[in-house]
Full PDB file with SEQRES, HELIX, SHEET, SSBOND, CRYST1, ORIGX, SCALE, CONECT and MASTER records, all heavy atoms in Angstrom:
SEQRES   1 A   39  GLN ALA MET ALA GLY TRP LEU PHE THR GLN LEU THR GLU          
SEQRES   2 A   39  ILE ARG THR TYR HIS GLN ARG GLU GLN ARG LYS ALA ARG          
SEQRES   3 A   39  GLN GLY THR PRO ARG ALA THR GLY LYS PRO ALA ASP GLN          
HELIX    1 AA1 ALA A    4  ARG A   26  1                                  23    
CRYST1    1.000    1.000    1.000  90.00  90.00  90.00 P 1           1          
ORIGX1      1.000000  0.000000  0.000000        0.00000                         
ORIGX2      0.000000  1.000000  0.000000        0.00000                         
ORIGX3      0.000000  0.000000  1.000000        0.00000                         
SCALE1      1.000000  0.000000  0.000000        0.00000                         
SCALE2      0.000000  1.000000  0.000000        0.00000                         
SCALE3      0.000000  0.000000  1.000000        0.00000                         
ATOM      1  N   GLN A   1      91.074 128.400 117.622  1.00  0.00           N  
ATOM      2  CA  GLN A   1      91.725 127.861 118.816  1.00  0.00           C  
ATOM      3  C   GLN A   1      90.818 127.893 120.043  1.00  0.00           C  
ATOM      4  O   GLN A   1      90.935 127.047 120.917  1.00  0.00           O  
ATOM      5  CB  GLN A   1      93.025 128.619 119.098  1.00  0.00           C  
ATOM      6  CG  GLN A   1      94.108 128.380 118.071  1.00  0.00           C  
ATOM      7  CD  GLN A   1      94.572 126.935 118.046  1.00  0.00           C  
ATOM      8  OE1 GLN A   1      94.660 126.274 119.069  1.00  0.00           O  
ATOM      9  NE2 GLN A   1      94.864 126.442 116.853  1.00  0.00           N  
ATOM     10  N   ALA A   2      89.924 128.865 120.094  1.00  0.00           N  
ATOM     11  CA  ALA A   2      89.035 128.983 121.252  1.00  0.00           C  
ATOM     12  C   ALA A   2      88.145 127.753 121.417  1.00  0.00           C  
ATOM     13  O   ALA A   2      87.745 127.417 122.528  1.00  0.00           O  
ATOM     14  CB  ALA A   2      88.176 130.236 121.140  1.00  0.00           C  
ATOM     15  N   MET A   3      87.867 127.067 120.314  1.00  0.00           N  
ATOM     16  CA  MET A   3      87.008 125.875 120.363  1.00  0.00           C  
ATOM     17  C   MET A   3      87.773 124.603 120.028  1.00  0.00           C  
ATOM     18  O   MET A   3      87.164 123.561 119.768  1.00  0.00           O  
ATOM     19  CB  MET A   3      85.827 126.036 119.409  1.00  0.00           C  
ATOM     20  CG  MET A   3      84.810 127.059 119.862  1.00  0.00           C  
ATOM     21  SD  MET A   3      83.348 127.018 118.818  1.00  0.00           S  
ATOM     22  CE  MET A   3      82.643 125.427 119.251  1.00  0.00           C  
ATOM     23  N   ALA A   4      89.084 124.671 120.049  1.00  0.00           N  
ATOM     24  CA  ALA A   4      89.901 123.510 119.682  1.00  0.00           C  
ATOM     25  C   ALA A   4      89.598 122.309 120.569  1.00  0.00           C  
ATOM     26  O   ALA A   4      89.524 121.173 120.082  1.00  0.00           O  
ATOM     27  CB  ALA A   4      91.384 123.863 119.747  1.00  0.00           C  
ATOM     28  N   GLY A   5      89.397 122.515 121.841  1.00  0.00           N  
ATOM     29  CA  GLY A   5      89.077 121.420 122.756  1.00  0.00           C  
ATOM     30  C   GLY A   5      87.792 120.713 122.367  1.00  0.00           C  
ATOM     31  O   GLY A   5      87.701 119.484 122.389  1.00  0.00           O  
ATOM     32  N   TRP A   6      86.788 121.499 122.000  1.00  0.00           N  
ATOM     33  CA  TRP A   6      85.510 120.927 121.566  1.00  0.00           C  
ATOM     34  C   TRP A   6      85.717 120.088 120.302  1.00  0.00           C  
ATOM     35  O   TRP A   6      85.219 118.965 120.210  1.00  0.00           O  
ATOM     36  CB  TRP A   6      84.498 122.046 121.306  1.00  0.00           C  
ATOM     37  CG  TRP A   6      83.153 121.561 120.869  1.00  0.00           C  
ATOM     38  CD1 TRP A   6      82.115 121.188 121.675  1.00  0.00           C  
ATOM     39  CD2 TRP A   6      82.698 121.390 119.530  1.00  0.00           C  
ATOM     40  NE1 TRP A   6      81.048 120.796 120.904  1.00  0.00           N  
ATOM     41  CE2 TRP A   6      81.380 120.907 119.587  1.00  0.00           C  
ATOM     42  CE3 TRP A   6      83.282 121.598 118.279  1.00  0.00           C  
ATOM     43  CZ2 TRP A   6      80.634 120.632 118.449  1.00  0.00           C  
ATOM     44  CZ3 TRP A   6      82.536 121.314 117.144  1.00  0.00           C  
ATOM     45  CH2 TRP A   6      81.234 120.840 117.230  1.00  0.00           C  
ATOM     46  N   LEU A   7      86.459 120.628 119.337  1.00  0.00           N  
ATOM     47  CA  LEU A   7      86.716 119.904 118.096  1.00  0.00           C  
ATOM     48  C   LEU A   7      87.477 118.608 118.374  1.00  0.00           C  
ATOM     49  O   LEU A   7      87.116 117.548 117.851  1.00  0.00           O  
ATOM     50  CB  LEU A   7      87.503 120.759 117.110  1.00  0.00           C  
ATOM     51  CG  LEU A   7      87.941 120.045 115.828  1.00  0.00           C  
ATOM     52  CD1 LEU A   7      86.733 119.620 114.996  1.00  0.00           C  
ATOM     53  CD2 LEU A   7      88.867 120.938 115.015  1.00  0.00           C  
ATOM     54  N   PHE A   8      88.513 118.675 119.192  1.00  0.00           N  
ATOM     55  CA  PHE A   8      89.306 117.482 119.502  1.00  0.00           C  
ATOM     56  C   PHE A   8      88.435 116.413 120.152  1.00  0.00           C  
ATOM     57  O   PHE A   8      88.571 115.230 119.862  1.00  0.00           O  
ATOM     58  CB  PHE A   8      90.494 117.834 120.394  1.00  0.00           C  
ATOM     59  CG  PHE A   8      91.623 118.538 119.667  1.00  0.00           C  
ATOM     60  CD1 PHE A   8      91.446 119.134 118.425  1.00  0.00           C  
ATOM     61  CD2 PHE A   8      92.867 118.614 120.239  1.00  0.00           C  
ATOM     62  CE1 PHE A   8      92.480 119.775 117.772  1.00  0.00           C  
ATOM     63  CE2 PHE A   8      93.918 119.260 119.592  1.00  0.00           C  
ATOM     64  CZ  PHE A   8      93.719 119.836 118.353  1.00  0.00           C  
ATOM     65  N   THR A   9      87.529 116.825 121.030  1.00  0.00           N  
ATOM     66  CA  THR A   9      86.615 115.866 121.661  1.00  0.00           C  
ATOM     67  C   THR A   9      85.729 115.190 120.615  1.00  0.00           C  
ATOM     68  O   THR A   9      85.550 113.967 120.642  1.00  0.00           O  
ATOM     69  CB  THR A   9      85.741 116.569 122.722  1.00  0.00           C  
ATOM     70  OG1 THR A   9      86.598 117.124 123.724  1.00  0.00           O  
ATOM     71  CG2 THR A   9      84.743 115.622 123.347  1.00  0.00           C  
ATOM     72  N   GLN A  10      85.198 115.980 119.688  1.00  0.00           N  
ATOM     73  CA  GLN A  10      84.335 115.410 118.640  1.00  0.00           C  
ATOM     74  C   GLN A  10      85.114 114.413 117.786  1.00  0.00           C  
ATOM     75  O   GLN A  10      84.630 113.307 117.503  1.00  0.00           O  
ATOM     76  CB  GLN A  10      83.761 116.517 117.739  1.00  0.00           C  
ATOM     77  CG  GLN A  10      82.974 117.587 118.460  1.00  0.00           C  
ATOM     78  CD  GLN A  10      81.842 117.034 119.288  1.00  0.00           C  
ATOM     79  OE1 GLN A  10      80.986 116.306 118.798  1.00  0.00           O  
ATOM     80  NE2 GLN A  10      81.840 117.356 120.565  1.00  0.00           N  
ATOM     81  N   LEU A  11      86.311 114.785 117.371  1.00  0.00           N  
ATOM     82  CA  LEU A  11      87.118 113.905 116.522  1.00  0.00           C  
ATOM     83  C   LEU A  11      87.560 112.654 117.272  1.00  0.00           C  
ATOM     84  O   LEU A  11      87.626 111.564 116.687  1.00  0.00           O  
ATOM     85  CB  LEU A  11      88.320 114.662 115.961  1.00  0.00           C  
ATOM     86  CG  LEU A  11      87.980 115.778 114.965  1.00  0.00           C  
ATOM     87  CD1 LEU A  11      89.224 116.577 114.602  1.00  0.00           C  
ATOM     88  CD2 LEU A  11      87.305 115.223 113.722  1.00  0.00           C  
ATOM     89  N   THR A  12      87.844 112.782 118.562  1.00  0.00           N  
ATOM     90  CA  THR A  12      88.223 111.618 119.366  1.00  0.00           C  
ATOM     91  C   THR A  12      87.047 110.650 119.476  1.00  0.00           C  
ATOM     92  O   THR A  12      87.228 109.429 119.361  1.00  0.00           O  
ATOM     93  CB  THR A  12      88.698 112.056 120.766  1.00  0.00           C  
ATOM     94  OG1 THR A  12      89.833 112.911 120.605  1.00  0.00           O  
ATOM     95  CG2 THR A  12      89.065 110.868 121.633  1.00  0.00           C  
ATOM     96  N   GLU A  13      85.848 111.168 119.680  1.00  0.00           N  
ATOM     97  CA  GLU A  13      84.662 110.308 119.742  1.00  0.00           C  
ATOM     98  C   GLU A  13      84.443 109.586 118.411  1.00  0.00           C  
ATOM     99  O   GLU A  13      84.105 108.402 118.396  1.00  0.00           O  
ATOM    100  CB  GLU A  13      83.428 111.121 120.110  1.00  0.00           C  
ATOM    101  CG  GLU A  13      83.405 111.557 121.557  1.00  0.00           C  
ATOM    102  CD  GLU A  13      82.195 112.406 121.901  1.00  0.00           C  
ATOM    103  OE1 GLU A  13      81.262 112.523 121.065  1.00  0.00           O  
ATOM    104  OE2 GLU A  13      82.170 112.952 123.008  1.00  0.00           O  
ATOM    105  N   ILE A  14      84.631 110.290 117.309  1.00  0.00           N  
ATOM    106  CA  ILE A  14      84.475 109.680 115.987  1.00  0.00           C  
ATOM    107  C   ILE A  14      85.500 108.569 115.801  1.00  0.00           C  
ATOM    108  O   ILE A  14      85.168 107.467 115.360  1.00  0.00           O  
ATOM    109  CB  ILE A  14      84.591 110.753 114.881  1.00  0.00           C  
ATOM    110  CG1 ILE A  14      83.380 111.685 114.924  1.00  0.00           C  
ATOM    111  CG2 ILE A  14      84.759 110.114 113.502  1.00  0.00           C  
ATOM    112  CD1 ILE A  14      83.527 112.952 114.105  1.00  0.00           C  
ATOM    113  N   ARG A  15      86.753 108.854 116.147  1.00  0.00           N  
ATOM    114  CA  ARG A  15      87.823 107.854 116.003  1.00  0.00           C  
ATOM    115  C   ARG A  15      87.560 106.637 116.903  1.00  0.00           C  
ATOM    116  O   ARG A  15      87.687 105.488 116.476  1.00  0.00           O  
ATOM    117  CB  ARG A  15      89.179 108.467 116.343  1.00  0.00           C  
ATOM    118  CG  ARG A  15      90.343 107.473 116.251  1.00  0.00           C  
ATOM    119  CD  ARG A  15      91.679 108.146 116.483  1.00  0.00           C  
ATOM    120  NE  ARG A  15      91.971 109.172 115.513  1.00  0.00           N  
ATOM    121  CZ  ARG A  15      92.402 108.950 114.271  1.00  0.00           C  
ATOM    122  NH1 ARG A  15      92.581 107.740 113.848  1.00  0.00           N  
ATOM    123  NH2 ARG A  15      92.653 109.961 113.460  1.00  0.00           N  
ATOM    124  N   THR A  16      87.177 106.878 118.141  1.00  0.00           N  
ATOM    125  CA  THR A  16      86.909 105.784 119.077  1.00  0.00           C  
ATOM    126  C   THR A  16      85.780 104.901 118.566  1.00  0.00           C  
ATOM    127  O   THR A  16      85.879 103.675 118.583  1.00  0.00           O  
ATOM    128  CB  THR A  16      86.561 106.350 120.475  1.00  0.00           C  
ATOM    129  OG1 THR A  16      87.657 107.137 120.928  1.00  0.00           O  
ATOM    130  CG2 THR A  16      86.266 105.251 121.470  1.00  0.00           C  
ATOM    131  N   TYR A  17      84.722 105.522 118.092  1.00  0.00           N  
ATOM    132  CA  TYR A  17      83.592 104.754 117.576  1.00  0.00           C  
ATOM    133  C   TYR A  17      84.011 103.944 116.342  1.00  0.00           C  
ATOM    134  O   TYR A  17      83.656 102.778 116.210  1.00  0.00           O  
ATOM    135  CB  TYR A  17      82.424 105.679 117.242  1.00  0.00           C  
ATOM    136  CG  TYR A  17      81.164 104.911 116.961  1.00  0.00           C  
ATOM    137  CD1 TYR A  17      80.330 104.525 118.000  1.00  0.00           C  
ATOM    138  CD2 TYR A  17      80.828 104.534 115.667  1.00  0.00           C  
ATOM    139  CE1 TYR A  17      79.194 103.787 117.759  1.00  0.00           C  
ATOM    140  CE2 TYR A  17      79.698 103.796 115.420  1.00  0.00           C  
ATOM    141  CZ  TYR A  17      78.885 103.425 116.468  1.00  0.00           C  
ATOM    142  OH  TYR A  17      77.761 102.691 116.223  1.00  0.00           O  
ATOM    143  N   HIS A  18      84.777 104.568 115.469  1.00  0.00           N  
ATOM    144  CA  HIS A  18      85.244 103.872 114.255  1.00  0.00           C  
ATOM    145  C   HIS A  18      86.113 102.670 114.627  1.00  0.00           C  
ATOM    146  O   HIS A  18      85.951 101.581 114.065  1.00  0.00           O  
ATOM    147  CB  HIS A  18      86.017 104.835 113.360  1.00  0.00           C  
ATOM    148  CG  HIS A  18      86.577 104.189 112.134  1.00  0.00           C  
ATOM    149  ND1 HIS A  18      85.793 103.844 111.068  1.00  0.00           N  
ATOM    150  CD2 HIS A  18      87.831 103.804 111.820  1.00  0.00           C  
ATOM    151  CE1 HIS A  18      86.549 103.262 110.139  1.00  0.00           C  
ATOM    152  NE2 HIS A  18      87.787 103.235 110.586  1.00  0.00           N  
ATOM    153  N   GLN A  19      87.024 102.847 115.565  1.00  0.00           N  
ATOM    154  CA  GLN A  19      87.899 101.752 115.981  1.00  0.00           C  
ATOM    155  C   GLN A  19      87.097 100.618 116.617  1.00  0.00           C  
ATOM    156  O   GLN A  19      87.374  99.441 116.373  1.00  0.00           O  
ATOM    157  CB  GLN A  19      88.973 102.262 116.943  1.00  0.00           C  
ATOM    158  CG  GLN A  19      89.985 103.135 116.256  1.00  0.00           C  
ATOM    159  CD  GLN A  19      90.919 103.847 117.221  1.00  0.00           C  
ATOM    160  OE1 GLN A  19      90.632 103.974 118.412  1.00  0.00           O  
ATOM    161  NE2 GLN A  19      92.036 104.334 116.707  1.00  0.00           N  
ATOM    162  N   ARG A  20      86.093 100.956 117.398  1.00  0.00           N  
ATOM    163  CA  ARG A  20      85.238  99.942 118.012  1.00  0.00           C  
ATOM    164  C   ARG A  20      84.499  99.142 116.938  1.00  0.00           C  
ATOM    165  O   ARG A  20      84.412  97.919 116.998  1.00  0.00           O  
ATOM    166  CB  ARG A  20      84.244 100.607 118.956  1.00  0.00           C  
ATOM    167  CG  ARG A  20      83.468  99.658 119.823  1.00  0.00           C  
ATOM    168  CD  ARG A  20      82.620 100.396 120.826  1.00  0.00           C  
ATOM    169  NE  ARG A  20      82.999 101.793 120.838  1.00  0.00           N  
ATOM    170  CZ  ARG A  20      82.322 102.780 121.366  1.00  0.00           C  
ATOM    171  NH1 ARG A  20      81.225 102.554 121.990  1.00  0.00           N  
ATOM    172  NH2 ARG A  20      82.723 104.022 121.324  1.00  0.00           N  
ATOM    173  N   GLU A  21      83.991  99.843 115.932  1.00  0.00           N  
ATOM    174  CA  GLU A  21      83.290  99.167 114.830  1.00  0.00           C  
ATOM    175  C   GLU A  21      84.244  98.289 114.022  1.00  0.00           C  
ATOM    176  O   GLU A  21      83.867  97.209 113.575  1.00  0.00           O  
ATOM    177  CB  GLU A  21      82.596 100.189 113.928  1.00  0.00           C  
ATOM    178  CG  GLU A  21      81.428 100.885 114.589  1.00  0.00           C  
ATOM    179  CD  GLU A  21      80.335  99.927 115.045  1.00  0.00           C  
ATOM    180  OE1 GLU A  21      79.850  99.141 114.205  1.00  0.00           O  
ATOM    181  OE2 GLU A  21      79.984  99.946 116.236  1.00  0.00           O  
ATOM    182  N   GLN A  22      85.469  98.749 113.846  1.00  0.00           N  
ATOM    183  CA  GLN A  22      86.473  97.951 113.132  1.00  0.00           C  
ATOM    184  C   GLN A  22      86.789  96.671 113.898  1.00  0.00           C  
ATOM    185  O   GLN A  22      86.918  95.608 113.300  1.00  0.00           O  
ATOM    186  CB  GLN A  22      87.756  98.764 112.911  1.00  0.00           C  
ATOM    187  CG  GLN A  22      87.598  99.904 111.929  1.00  0.00           C  
ATOM    188  CD  GLN A  22      87.298  99.404 110.538  1.00  0.00           C  
ATOM    189  OE1 GLN A  22      87.940  98.491 110.046  1.00  0.00           O  
ATOM    190  NE2 GLN A  22      86.303  99.998 109.909  1.00  0.00           N  
ATOM    191  N   ARG A  23      86.920  96.772 115.222  1.00  0.00           N  
ATOM    192  CA  ARG A  23      87.174  95.579 116.040  1.00  0.00           C  
ATOM    193  C   ARG A  23      86.018  94.593 115.933  1.00  0.00           C  
ATOM    194  O   ARG A  23      86.231  93.386 115.803  1.00  0.00           O  
ATOM    195  CB  ARG A  23      87.394  95.962 117.509  1.00  0.00           C  
ATOM    196  CG  ARG A  23      88.820  96.366 117.819  1.00  0.00           C  
ATOM    197  CD  ARG A  23      89.078  96.428 119.316  1.00  0.00           C  
ATOM    198  NE  ARG A  23      88.214  97.365 120.025  1.00  0.00           N  
ATOM    199  CZ  ARG A  23      88.447  98.670 120.148  1.00  0.00           C  
ATOM    200  NH1 ARG A  23      89.517  99.198 119.606  1.00  0.00           N  
ATOM    201  NH2 ARG A  23      87.624  99.435 120.811  1.00  0.00           N  
ATOM    202  N   LYS A  24      84.798  95.100 115.980  1.00  0.00           N  
ATOM    203  CA  LYS A  24      83.633  94.229 115.842  1.00  0.00           C  
ATOM    204  C   LYS A  24      83.645  93.524 114.492  1.00  0.00           C  
ATOM    205  O   LYS A  24      83.346  92.333 114.412  1.00  0.00           O  
ATOM    206  CB  LYS A  24      82.334  95.027 115.974  1.00  0.00           C  
ATOM    207  CG  LYS A  24      81.990  95.423 117.380  1.00  0.00           C  
ATOM    208  CD  LYS A  24      80.677  96.185 117.375  1.00  0.00           C  
ATOM    209  CE  LYS A  24      80.343  96.772 118.711  1.00  0.00           C  
ATOM    210  NZ  LYS A  24      79.102  97.559 118.649  1.00  0.00           N  
ATOM    211  N   ALA A  25      83.992  94.234 113.448  1.00  0.00           N  
ATOM    212  CA  ALA A  25      84.025  93.639 112.109  1.00  0.00           C  
ATOM    213  C   ALA A  25      85.107  92.566 112.019  1.00  0.00           C  
ATOM    214  O   ALA A  25      84.893  91.515 111.405  1.00  0.00           O  
ATOM    215  CB  ALA A  25      84.258  94.720 111.060  1.00  0.00           C  
ATOM    216  N   ARG A  26      86.269  92.807 112.620  1.00  0.00           N  
ATOM    217  CA  ARG A  26      87.348  91.815 112.601  1.00  0.00           C  
ATOM    218  C   ARG A  26      86.986  90.579 113.406  1.00  0.00           C  
ATOM    219  O   ARG A  26      87.403  89.473 113.081  1.00  0.00           O  
ATOM    220  CB  ARG A  26      88.642  92.421 113.138  1.00  0.00           C  
ATOM    221  CG  ARG A  26      89.370  93.277 112.126  1.00  0.00           C  
ATOM    222  CD  ARG A  26      90.772  93.607 112.593  1.00  0.00           C  
ATOM    223  NE  ARG A  26      90.824  94.271 113.884  1.00  0.00           N  
ATOM    224  CZ  ARG A  26      90.787  95.590 114.073  1.00  0.00           C  
ATOM    225  NH1 ARG A  26      90.696  96.386 113.039  1.00  0.00           N  
ATOM    226  NH2 ARG A  26      90.856  96.106 115.280  1.00  0.00           N  
ATOM    227  N   GLN A  27      86.217  90.762 114.459  1.00  0.00           N  
ATOM    228  CA  GLN A  27      85.817  89.634 115.287  1.00  0.00           C  
ATOM    229  C   GLN A  27      84.672  88.850 114.660  1.00  0.00           C  
ATOM    230  O   GLN A  27      84.272  87.816 115.182  1.00  0.00           O  
ATOM    231  CB  GLN A  27      85.397  90.114 116.685  1.00  0.00           C  
ATOM    232  CG  GLN A  27      86.552  90.684 117.476  1.00  0.00           C  
ATOM    233  CD  GLN A  27      86.064  91.357 118.756  1.00  0.00           C  
ATOM    234  OE1 GLN A  27      84.873  91.490 118.991  1.00  0.00           O  
ATOM    235  NE2 GLN A  27      87.016  91.790 119.577  1.00  0.00           N  
ATOM    236  N   GLY A  28      84.160  89.335 113.554  1.00  0.00           N  
ATOM    237  CA  GLY A  28      83.096  88.632 112.853  1.00  0.00           C  
ATOM    238  C   GLY A  28      81.783  88.642 113.602  1.00  0.00           C  
ATOM    239  O   GLY A  28      81.126  87.621 113.711  1.00  0.00           O  
ATOM    240  N   THR A  29      81.383  89.786 114.110  1.00  0.00           N  
ATOM    241  CA  THR A  29      80.106  89.900 114.797  1.00  0.00           C  
ATOM    242  C   THR A  29      79.005  89.421 113.862  1.00  0.00           C  
ATOM    243  O   THR A  29      78.880  89.910 112.733  1.00  0.00           O  
ATOM    244  CB  THR A  29      79.843  91.372 115.211  1.00  0.00           C  
ATOM    245  OG1 THR A  29      80.942  91.818 115.987  1.00  0.00           O  
ATOM    246  CG2 THR A  29      78.558  91.500 115.995  1.00  0.00           C  
ATOM    247  N   PRO A  30      78.204  88.440 114.289  1.00  0.00           N  
ATOM    248  CA  PRO A  30      77.164  87.906 113.403  1.00  0.00           C  
ATOM    249  C   PRO A  30      76.097  88.947 113.103  1.00  0.00           C  
ATOM    250  O   PRO A  30      75.745  89.765 113.951  1.00  0.00           O  
ATOM    251  CB  PRO A  30      76.582  86.739 114.197  1.00  0.00           C  
ATOM    252  CG  PRO A  30      76.951  86.992 115.616  1.00  0.00           C  
ATOM    253  CD  PRO A  30      78.202  87.812 115.588  1.00  0.00           C  
ATOM    254  N   ARG A  31      75.590  88.880 111.890  1.00  0.00           N  
ATOM    255  CA  ARG A  31      74.528  89.784 111.465  1.00  0.00           C  
ATOM    256  C   ARG A  31      73.233  88.993 111.400  1.00  0.00           C  
ATOM    257  O   ARG A  31      73.226  87.833 110.990  1.00  0.00           O  
ATOM    258  CB  ARG A  31      74.855  90.373 110.106  1.00  0.00           C  
ATOM    259  CG  ARG A  31      76.061  91.286 110.177  1.00  0.00           C  
ATOM    260  CD  ARG A  31      76.239  92.004 108.854  1.00  0.00           C  
ATOM    261  NE  ARG A  31      77.290  92.978 108.989  1.00  0.00           N  
ATOM    262  CZ  ARG A  31      78.518  92.800 108.528  1.00  0.00           C  
ATOM    263  NH1 ARG A  31      78.835  91.702 107.895  1.00  0.00           N  
ATOM    264  NH2 ARG A  31      79.425  93.727 108.693  1.00  0.00           N  
ATOM    265  N   ALA A  32      72.156  89.604 111.745  1.00  0.00           N  
ATOM    266  CA  ALA A  32      70.869  88.921 111.806  1.00  0.00           C  
ATOM    267  C   ALA A  32      70.397  88.449 110.438  1.00  0.00           C  
ATOM    268  O   ALA A  32      69.845  87.371 110.304  1.00  0.00           O  
ATOM    269  CB  ALA A  32      69.823  89.836 112.430  1.00  0.00           C  
ATOM    270  N   THR A  33      70.619  89.241 109.384  1.00  0.00           N  
ATOM    271  CA  THR A  33      70.083  88.901 108.066  1.00  0.00           C  
ATOM    272  C   THR A  33      71.081  88.162 107.195  1.00  0.00           C  
ATOM    273  O   THR A  33      70.697  87.605 106.187  1.00  0.00           O  
ATOM    274  CB  THR A  33      69.660  90.175 107.308  1.00  0.00           C  
ATOM    275  OG1 THR A  33      70.829  90.979 107.094  1.00  0.00           O  
ATOM    276  CG2 THR A  33      68.619  90.956 108.075  1.00  0.00           C  
ATOM    277  N   GLY A  34      72.321  88.186 107.559  1.00  0.00           N  
ATOM    278  CA  GLY A  34      73.342  87.567 106.721  1.00  0.00           C  
ATOM    279  C   GLY A  34      73.810  88.482 105.603  1.00  0.00           C  
ATOM    280  O   GLY A  34      74.721  88.173 104.868  1.00  0.00           O  
ATOM    281  N   LYS A  35      73.161  89.643 105.445  1.00  0.00           N  
ATOM    282  CA  LYS A  35      73.548  90.621 104.433  1.00  0.00           C  
ATOM    283  C   LYS A  35      74.469  91.652 105.080  1.00  0.00           C  
ATOM    284  O   LYS A  35      74.398  91.864 106.295  1.00  0.00           O  
ATOM    285  CB  LYS A  35      72.311  91.348 103.886  1.00  0.00           C  
ATOM    286  CG  LYS A  35      71.362  90.439 103.151  1.00  0.00           C  
ATOM    287  CD  LYS A  35      70.190  91.262 102.666  1.00  0.00           C  
ATOM    288  CE  LYS A  35      69.166  90.376 101.981  1.00  0.00           C  
ATOM    289  NZ  LYS A  35      68.014  91.156 101.548  1.00  0.00           N  
ATOM    290  N   PRO A  36      75.309  92.298 104.262  1.00  0.00           N  
ATOM    291  CA  PRO A  36      76.142  93.359 104.838  1.00  0.00           C  
ATOM    292  C   PRO A  36      75.265  94.465 105.411  1.00  0.00           C  
ATOM    293  O   PRO A  36      74.228  94.809 104.847  1.00  0.00           O  
ATOM    294  CB  PRO A  36      76.957  93.875 103.648  1.00  0.00           C  
ATOM    295  CG  PRO A  36      76.826  92.832 102.594  1.00  0.00           C  
ATOM    296  CD  PRO A  36      75.566  92.075 102.863  1.00  0.00           C  
ATOM    297  N   ALA A  37      75.692  94.989 106.523  1.00  0.00           N  
ATOM    298  CA  ALA A  37      74.945  96.080 107.155  1.00  0.00           C  
ATOM    299  C   ALA A  37      75.097  97.337 106.340  1.00  0.00           C  
ATOM    300  O   ALA A  37      76.131  97.604 105.745  1.00  0.00           O  
ATOM    301  CB  ALA A  37      75.460  96.306 108.577  1.00  0.00           C  
ATOM    302  N   ASP A  38      74.039  98.165 106.308  1.00  0.00           N  
ATOM    303  CA  ASP A  38      74.097  99.464 105.646  1.00  0.00           C  
ATOM    304  C   ASP A  38      74.911 100.401 106.532  1.00  0.00           C  
ATOM    305  O   ASP A  38      74.463 100.783 107.602  1.00  0.00           O  
ATOM    306  CB  ASP A  38      72.684 100.007 105.451  1.00  0.00           C  
ATOM    307  CG  ASP A  38      72.679 101.381 104.820  1.00  0.00           C  
ATOM    308  OD1 ASP A  38      73.730 101.844 104.331  1.00  0.00           O  
ATOM    309  OD2 ASP A  38      71.610 101.999 104.813  1.00  0.00           O  
ATOM    310  N   GLN A  39      76.091 100.757 106.072  1.00  0.00           N  
ATOM    311  CA  GLN A  39      76.990 101.546 106.909  1.00  0.00           C  
ATOM    312  C   GLN A  39      76.600 103.008 106.995  1.00  0.00           C  
ATOM    313  O   GLN A  39      77.174 103.750 107.754  1.00  0.00           O  
ATOM    314  CB  GLN A  39      78.420 101.407 106.400  1.00  0.00           C  
ATOM    315  CG  GLN A  39      78.922  99.992 106.560  1.00  0.00           C  
ATOM    316  CD  GLN A  39      80.424  99.942 106.537  1.00  0.00           C  
ATOM    317  OE1 GLN A  39      81.089 100.918 106.240  1.00  0.00           O  
ATOM    318  NE2 GLN A  39      80.961  98.791 106.869  1.00  0.00           N  
TER     319      GLN A  39                                                      
MASTER        0    0    0    1    0    0    0    6  318    1    0    3          
END                                                                             
């Protein structure tokens, strides 16, 4: 519990980044090579 705030911040950043990447994928962000990106 003493570090719960730190953990929540880390997980929130991970979730936010994942959601941003999901939005980009749904919007069909063009890829330079035409191949799927290495995730």
